[in-house]
Amino acid sequence: MQTFQDIENIRKIRAAEQSKTWGLVPTMGALHEGHMSLVRRARAENERVAVSIFVNPIQFNNPDDLEKYPRTVERDLMLLEDEDVDLVWTPPKEIVYPPRFQTHVAVEKITQVLEGATRPGHFLGVTTVVAKLFNMFQPHRAYLGQKDYQQLAVIRQMVNDLNFPIELVPCPIVREADGLAMSSRNVNLSAEGRQQATCLYQSLVRGKELIDAGERTATNVRREMTDIVLKHDRATIDYISIANPDNLNELETIERKVLISMAVFIDSVRLIDNMEVEV
């Protein structure tokens, strides 16, 4: 496994093996089994696998969240070595965003709801750094987890609009035994917070049960989901959404496949989760 911080060596290696198929797994590090599932999928479907590890400062609208984001690069590299990754990029901020940097990639409508509504500027940071990664690595495929459902949708829009010759491969959410979606932020939970964090999954499951049972009024589903979360004294709801999975607009009547999604603070740790439900 080769690891670099600079851009020049990444480009040289990629250019030297143009005949090989490359899969890219973009990450912010603090790797867990969810990330490893992406790496293994990339390994199975490509001749070469690249991983980026970069805590992207411009996608954080909260400085405290950026400061608290876990950084475990040495451990991450050992995990990636075990998975037979070929190339890892671990740049400092100054290389990704050099002095006088002033170019951003903006996706419009689909970034204005859900995460975009509560985290101003978040997706501008995401699309900018991902566009840079796609330009630099020029992968045939990029592997993204469905836990960040809106992020996947936003990047898909960017890829289509800007004609990136890249196949996006969505990969299923990986959960702990009690249903909690794996996230790098989970390590910041206290012991009691970790127990209460299962309320996200419990709420999603209840939403699915109601829809499966024939409930078609979205407000009724949101109300019961909200009640489940608020039974936990460490939980504060950012949003609970029942939306069209294509454009992420909120629904009042449930008539087809829907995306149930939520963002919840457990103490000061913000967690997200989602579930698609067929009607």
Protein backbone atom coordinates (compact mmCIF):
# COMPACT_ATOMS: atom_id res chain seq x y z
CA MET A 1 0.00 0.00 0.00
CA GLN A 2 1.34 3.40 -0.98
CA THR A 3 0.44 6.47 1.07
CA PHE A 4 1.01 10.07 0.03
CA GLN A 5 0.10 13.56 1.15
CA ASP A 6 0.95 15.37 -2.07
CA ILE A 7 -1.11 15.45 -5.26
CA GLU A 8 1.70 14.88 -7.75
CA ASN A 9 2.42 11.29 -6.71
CA ILE A 10 -1.26 10.38 -6.76
CA ARG A 11 -1.53 11.66 -10.33
CA LYS A 12 1.65 9.83 -11.42
CA ILE A 13 0.49 6.49 -10.05
CA ARG A 14 -2.97 6.87 -11.53
CA ALA A 15 -1.56 7.88 -14.94
CA ALA A 16 0.89 4.97 -14.96
CA GLU A 17 -1.93 2.44 -14.65
CA GLN A 18 -4.57 3.81 -16.97
CA SER A 19 -5.50 0.34 -18.20
CA LYS A 20 -6.50 -0.77 -14.68
CA THR A 21 -9.95 -0.22 -13.23
CA TRP A 22 -9.87 1.99 -10.15
CA GLY A 23 -12.36 2.20 -7.30
CA LEU A 24 -12.27 5.17 -4.93
CA VAL A 25 -13.57 5.27 -1.36
CA PRO A 26 -13.64 8.89 -0.12
CA THR A 27 -13.55 9.12 3.70
CA MET A 28 -12.89 11.54 6.54
CA GLY A 29 -11.08 8.82 8.46
CA ALA A 30 -11.92 7.39 11.90
CA LEU A 31 -12.68 4.26 9.91
CA HIS A 32 -15.14 1.62 11.09
CA GLU A 33 -16.80 -1.48 9.69
CA GLY A 34 -19.08 0.64 7.52
CA HIS A 35 -16.06 2.07 5.71
CA MET A 36 -14.49 -1.36 5.47
CA SER A 37 -17.58 -2.67 3.71
CA LEU A 38 -17.07 0.01 1.04
CA VAL A 39 -13.40 -0.89 0.69
CA ARG A 40 -14.20 -4.60 0.31
CA ARG A 41 -16.82 -3.88 -2.32
CA ALA A 42 -14.32 -1.74 -4.21
CA ARG A 43 -11.69 -4.46 -3.89
CA ALA A 44 -14.07 -7.05 -5.33
CA GLU A 45 -15.08 -4.91 -8.31
CA ASN A 46 -11.83 -3.19 -9.34
CA GLU A 47 -8.21 -3.99 -10.10
CA ARG A 48 -7.00 -1.08 -7.96
CA VAL A 49 -8.48 0.53 -4.85
CA ALA A 50 -7.77 4.04 -3.61
CA VAL A 51 -8.91 5.63 -0.34
CA SER A 52 -8.78 9.28 0.68
CA ILE A 53 -8.61 10.34 4.33
CA PHE A 54 -9.31 14.02 4.83
CA VAL A 55 -11.40 15.81 7.44
CA ASN A 56 -12.82 18.43 5.10
CA PRO A 57 -13.06 21.71 7.06
CA ILE A 58 -15.28 23.55 4.60
CA GLN A 59 -18.18 21.13 5.02
CA PHE A 60 -18.46 21.86 8.76
CA ASN A 61 -20.76 24.74 9.63
CA ASN A 62 -20.03 24.25 13.34
CA PRO A 63 -16.39 24.83 14.43
CA ASP A 64 -16.92 22.71 17.56
CA ASP A 65 -18.04 19.77 15.42
CA LEU A 66 -14.89 20.09 13.31
CA GLU A 67 -12.71 20.24 16.42
CA LYS A 68 -14.35 17.16 17.96
CA TYR A 69 -14.35 15.04 14.81
CA PRO A 70 -12.22 11.96 15.60
CA ARG A 71 -8.85 11.62 13.89
CA THR A 72 -7.17 8.19 13.95
CA VAL A 73 -4.95 8.17 10.88
CA GLU A 74 -2.37 5.62 12.09
CA ARG A 75 -5.09 3.13 13.02
CA ASP A 76 -6.92 3.84 9.75
CA LEU A 77 -3.82 3.06 7.70
CA MET A 78 -3.35 -0.27 9.48
CA LEU A 79 -6.95 -1.22 8.71
CA LEU A 80 -6.54 -0.30 5.05
CA GLU A 81 -3.28 -2.24 4.81
CA ASP A 82 -5.14 -5.32 6.02
CA GLU A 83 -7.74 -4.83 3.26
CA ASP A 84 -5.09 -4.75 0.51
CA VAL A 85 -5.75 -1.14 -0.51
CA ASP A 86 -3.36 0.07 -3.19
CA LEU A 87 -3.24 3.83 -2.68
CA VAL A 88 -4.14 6.19 0.18
CA TRP A 89 -4.17 9.98 0.14
CA THR A 90 -3.85 11.76 3.52
CA PRO A 91 -3.32 15.43 2.67
CA PRO A 92 -3.06 18.39 5.05
CA LYS A 93 -5.57 21.19 4.61
CA GLU A 94 -2.97 23.42 2.92
CA ILE A 95 -2.64 21.02 -0.02
CA VAL A 96 -6.37 20.62 -0.59
CA TYR A 97 -7.10 24.32 -0.14
CA PRO A 98 -3.92 26.27 -0.97
CA PRO A 99 -3.60 30.00 -0.36
CA ARG A 100 -6.01 32.12 -2.41
CA PHE A 101 -8.29 29.13 -3.05
CA GLN A 102 -11.58 30.57 -4.33
CA THR A 103 -13.41 27.96 -6.43
CA HIS A 104 -16.40 25.94 -5.25
CA VAL A 105 -18.84 23.52 -6.87
CA ALA A 106 -22.48 24.23 -6.03
CA VAL A 107 -25.44 21.91 -6.50
CA GLU A 108 -28.67 23.83 -5.99
CA LYS A 109 -32.19 22.55 -5.25
CA ILE A 110 -31.46 19.18 -3.68
CA THR A 111 -29.04 20.78 -1.21
CA GLN A 112 -31.61 23.17 0.21
CA VAL A 113 -33.60 20.66 2.29
CA LEU A 114 -32.86 18.31 5.23
CA GLU A 115 -29.12 18.48 5.97
CA GLY A 116 -28.74 21.51 3.72
CA ALA A 117 -31.44 23.42 5.57
CA THR A 118 -29.94 22.81 9.02
CA ARG A 119 -26.25 22.92 8.06
CA PRO A 120 -25.71 25.96 5.81
CA GLY A 121 -22.76 25.56 3.46
CA HIS A 122 -22.32 21.87 4.26
CA PHE A 123 -22.96 20.51 0.79
CA LEU A 124 -20.94 23.25 -0.89
CA GLY A 125 -17.97 21.84 1.01
CA VAL A 126 -18.89 18.25 0.15
CA THR A 127 -19.29 18.78 -3.58
CA THR A 128 -16.15 20.89 -3.83
CA VAL A 129 -13.89 18.33 -2.19
CA VAL A 130 -15.48 15.37 -3.99
CA ALA A 131 -15.08 17.12 -7.34
CA LYS A 132 -11.40 17.60 -6.53
CA LEU A 133 -11.07 13.92 -5.61
CA PHE A 134 -12.77 12.78 -8.80
CA ASN A 135 -10.55 15.07 -10.86
CA MET A 136 -7.39 13.84 -9.19
CA PHE A 137 -8.02 10.08 -8.96
CA GLN A 138 -10.22 9.77 -12.06
CA PRO A 139 -11.75 6.55 -10.71
CA HIS A 140 -14.01 4.29 -12.72
CA ARG A 141 -16.21 3.80 -9.65
CA ALA A 142 -16.73 5.64 -6.38
CA TYR A 143 -18.19 3.90 -3.31
CA LEU A 144 -20.51 5.80 -0.97
CA GLY A 145 -22.55 4.66 2.01
CA GLN A 146 -26.33 5.09 2.03
CA LYS A 147 -26.31 6.34 5.62
CA ASP A 148 -25.50 9.73 4.08
CA TYR A 149 -28.45 9.40 1.69
CA GLN A 150 -28.68 13.06 0.78
CA GLN A 151 -24.94 13.32 0.26
CA LEU A 152 -25.14 10.43 -2.20
CA ALA A 153 -28.04 12.14 -4.01
CA VAL A 154 -26.16 15.44 -4.19
CA ILE A 155 -23.00 13.82 -5.53
CA ARG A 156 -25.06 11.87 -8.08
CA GLN A 157 -26.58 15.16 -9.26
CA MET A 158 -23.12 16.70 -9.58
CA VAL A 159 -21.78 13.70 -11.50
CA ASN A 160 -24.70 13.81 -13.93
CA ASP A 161 -24.68 17.57 -14.37
CA LEU A 162 -20.93 17.88 -14.89
CA ASN A 163 -20.55 14.68 -16.94
CA PHE A 164 -18.04 12.95 -14.70
CA PRO A 165 -17.33 9.53 -16.31
CA ILE A 166 -17.73 7.80 -12.96
CA GLU A 167 -20.11 5.11 -11.73
CA LEU A 168 -21.41 5.84 -8.24
CA VAL A 169 -21.91 2.67 -6.22
CA PRO A 170 -24.29 3.09 -3.24
CA CYS A 171 -23.60 0.64 -0.41
CA PRO A 172 -25.99 -0.41 2.38
CA ILE A 173 -25.94 1.03 5.89
CA VAL A 174 -23.92 -1.11 8.30
CA ARG A 175 -25.43 -1.29 11.77
CA GLU A 176 -24.40 -2.37 15.23
CA ALA A 177 -26.22 -5.36 16.74
CA ASP A 178 -28.75 -3.04 18.40
CA GLY A 179 -29.48 -1.18 15.17
CA LEU A 180 -27.37 1.94 15.64
CA ALA A 181 -25.93 3.00 12.28
CA MET A 182 -22.14 2.88 12.35
CA SER A 183 -20.64 6.36 12.35
CA SER A 184 -17.28 7.89 13.15
CA ARG A 185 -19.10 10.19 15.57
CA ASN A 186 -20.34 7.28 17.70
CA VAL A 187 -17.02 7.25 19.58
CA ASN A 188 -17.93 10.66 21.02
CA LEU A 189 -21.01 9.27 22.77
CA SER A 190 -20.98 8.74 26.52
CA ALA A 191 -21.97 5.30 27.83
CA GLU A 192 -25.51 6.47 28.55
CA GLY A 193 -25.65 8.43 25.32
CA ARG A 194 -24.65 5.31 23.41
CA GLN A 195 -27.58 3.44 24.93
CA GLN A 196 -30.02 6.21 24.09
CA ALA A 197 -28.69 6.59 20.54
CA THR A 198 -30.65 3.50 19.54
CA CYS A 199 -33.74 5.73 19.57
CA LEU A 200 -32.98 6.74 15.98
CA TYR A 201 -33.28 3.20 14.69
CA GLN A 202 -36.27 2.46 16.93
CA SER A 203 -38.02 5.52 15.52
CA LEU A 204 -37.28 4.54 11.93
CA VAL A 205 -38.54 1.01 12.52
CA ARG A 206 -41.76 2.38 14.03
CA GLY A 207 -42.23 4.64 11.02
CA LYS A 208 -41.84 1.69 8.68
CA GLU A 209 -44.28 -0.38 10.75
CA LEU A 210 -46.93 2.33 10.50
CA ILE A 211 -46.52 2.71 6.75
CA ASP A 212 -46.53 -1.06 6.24
CA ALA A 213 -49.75 -1.20 8.26
CA GLY A 214 -51.42 1.27 5.90
CA GLU A 215 -50.85 4.69 7.45
CA ARG A 216 -50.68 7.20 4.62
CA THR A 217 -50.67 10.54 6.46
CA ALA A 218 -47.06 11.60 6.88
CA THR A 219 -47.84 13.87 9.83
CA ASN A 220 -49.17 10.92 11.84
CA VAL A 221 -46.03 8.91 11.13
CA ARG A 222 -43.74 11.80 12.08
CA ARG A 223 -45.69 12.32 15.32
CA GLU A 224 -45.19 8.75 16.51
CA MET A 225 -41.55 8.75 15.46
CA THR A 226 -41.02 12.00 17.37
CA ASP A 227 -42.63 10.54 20.50
CA ILE A 228 -40.18 7.63 20.48
CA VAL A 229 -37.14 9.90 20.25
CA LEU A 230 -38.34 12.34 22.90
CA LYS A 231 -38.80 9.56 25.45
CA HIS A 232 -34.99 9.67 25.71
CA ASP A 233 -33.84 12.59 27.86
CA ARG A 234 -30.48 13.02 26.10
CA ALA A 235 -32.07 13.30 22.65
CA THR A 236 -32.89 16.54 20.82
CA ILE A 237 -34.45 16.37 17.37
CA ASP A 238 -32.96 18.40 14.54
CA TYR A 239 -35.42 17.03 11.99
CA ILE A 240 -37.57 14.01 11.20
CA SER A 241 -38.47 13.76 7.53
CA ILE A 242 -40.73 11.70 5.30
CA ALA A 243 -39.75 12.67 1.78
CA ASN A 244 -39.75 11.77 -1.87
CA PRO A 245 -36.52 9.77 -2.28
CA ASP A 246 -35.84 11.32 -5.68
CA ASN A 247 -35.94 15.03 -4.84
CA LEU A 248 -36.10 14.85 -1.00
CA ASN A 249 -39.14 17.13 -0.83
CA GLU A 250 -41.39 16.56 2.17
CA LEU A 251 -44.57 14.57 1.66
CA GLU A 252 -47.96 14.99 3.26
CA THR A 253 -49.47 11.86 1.73
CA ILE A 254 -47.54 8.61 1.38
CA GLU A 255 -48.31 7.06 -1.99
CA ARG A 256 -45.11 5.39 -3.16
CA LYS A 257 -41.63 4.57 -1.95
CA VAL A 258 -40.53 7.11 0.65
CA LEU A 259 -37.36 8.05 2.47
CA ILE A 260 -37.67 8.33 6.24
CA SER A 261 -34.69 10.22 7.59
CA MET A 262 -33.67 12.03 10.74
CA ALA A 263 -30.98 13.98 12.50
CA VAL A 264 -30.87 13.81 16.29
CA PHE A 265 -28.47 15.23 18.85
CA ILE A 266 -27.56 12.82 21.63
CA ASP A 267 -26.15 15.31 24.11
CA SER A 268 -23.88 17.28 21.76
CA VAL A 269 -23.27 14.49 19.23
CA ARG A 270 -25.27 14.85 16.02
CA LEU A 271 -26.31 11.54 14.46
CA ILE A 272 -28.19 10.83 11.22
CA ASP A 273 -30.00 7.77 9.95
CA ASN A 274 -32.52 6.81 7.29
CA MET A 275 -34.62 4.03 5.88
CA GLU A 276 -36.35 3.57 2.54
CA VAL A 277 -39.88 2.17 2.73
CA GLU A 278 -41.77 0.64 -0.19
CA VAL A 279 -45.52 1.30 -0.30
